[in-house]
Amino acid sequence: MKTSAKKQLATGPASIELPDGMWERISQKAYELWRERGFREGYALQDWLDAEAIVMEEIHEARE
């Protein structure tokens, strides 16, 4: 069971294409979050995921 799950993950898409400018916005926000954290290491993934959520929320609010 674990082997097949790993194969499915390994054969999935390597990356997702983001709309123009989205990657830069997320990257900038992730850096801001890292800076606010005092540049502490070990939170890169969490900062990126938080940045994605923030940017997506900003886009959603702008469309309303």
Protein backbone atom coordinates (compact mmCIF):
# COMPACT_ATOMS: atom_id res chain seq x y z
CA MET A 1 0.00 0.00 0.00
CA LYS A 2 2.75 2.46 0.89
CA THR A 3 4.68 1.65 -2.29
CA SER A 4 1.76 2.44 -4.59
CA ALA A 5 1.11 5.70 -2.75
CA LYS A 6 4.73 6.69 -3.25
CA LYS A 7 4.53 5.86 -6.96
CA GLN A 8 1.43 8.00 -7.37
CA LEU A 9 3.14 10.92 -5.70
CA ALA A 10 6.32 10.44 -7.69
CA THR A 11 4.49 10.32 -11.02
CA GLY A 12 2.34 13.39 -10.30
CA PRO A 13 3.07 16.81 -11.79
CA ALA A 14 6.42 18.24 -10.71
CA SER A 15 5.08 21.78 -10.45
CA ILE A 16 1.97 23.82 -10.88
CA GLU A 17 1.97 26.80 -13.20
CA LEU A 18 0.94 30.00 -11.46
CA PRO A 19 -0.55 33.07 -13.15
CA ASP A 20 1.90 35.80 -14.14
CA GLY A 21 3.29 37.60 -11.13
CA MET A 22 1.83 35.16 -8.60
CA TRP A 23 5.11 33.41 -7.82
CA GLU A 24 6.81 36.76 -7.24
CA ARG A 25 4.03 37.94 -4.92
CA ILE A 26 4.17 34.73 -2.90
CA SER A 27 7.96 34.85 -2.77
CA GLN A 28 7.91 38.47 -1.55
CA LYS A 29 5.31 37.69 1.11
CA ALA A 30 7.23 34.59 2.27
CA TYR A 31 10.35 36.74 2.64
CA GLU A 32 8.36 39.29 4.66
CA LEU A 33 7.10 36.55 6.95
CA TRP A 34 10.65 35.21 7.38
CA ARG A 35 11.90 38.73 8.19
CA GLU A 36 9.07 39.22 10.72
CA ARG A 37 10.10 35.91 12.33
CA GLY A 38 13.61 37.35 12.83
CA PHE A 39 15.14 35.32 9.97
CA ARG A 40 14.92 32.15 12.05
CA GLU A 41 15.63 29.02 10.03
CA GLY A 42 13.40 25.96 9.84
CA TYR A 43 10.14 27.59 8.79
CA ALA A 44 10.63 28.02 5.03
CA LEU A 45 7.79 25.69 4.04
CA GLN A 46 5.40 27.17 6.59
CA ASP A 47 6.30 30.72 5.50
CA TRP A 48 5.67 29.76 1.85
CA LEU A 49 2.32 28.12 2.62
CA ASP A 50 1.25 31.07 4.77
CA ALA A 51 2.32 33.44 1.99
CA GLU A 52 0.27 31.48 -0.56
CA ALA A 53 -2.79 31.71 1.66
CA ILE A 54 -2.32 35.44 2.22
CA VAL A 55 -1.82 36.21 -1.47
CA MET A 56 -4.79 34.08 -2.49
CA GLU A 57 -6.96 35.86 0.09
CA GLU A 58 -5.79 39.26 -1.21
CA ILE A 59 -6.70 38.22 -4.76
CA HIS A 60 -10.08 36.91 -3.63
CA GLU A 61 -10.86 40.13 -1.75
CA ALA A 62 -9.81 42.25 -4.74
CA ARG A 63 -12.28 40.40 -6.97
CA GLU A 64 -15.23 41.09 -4.68
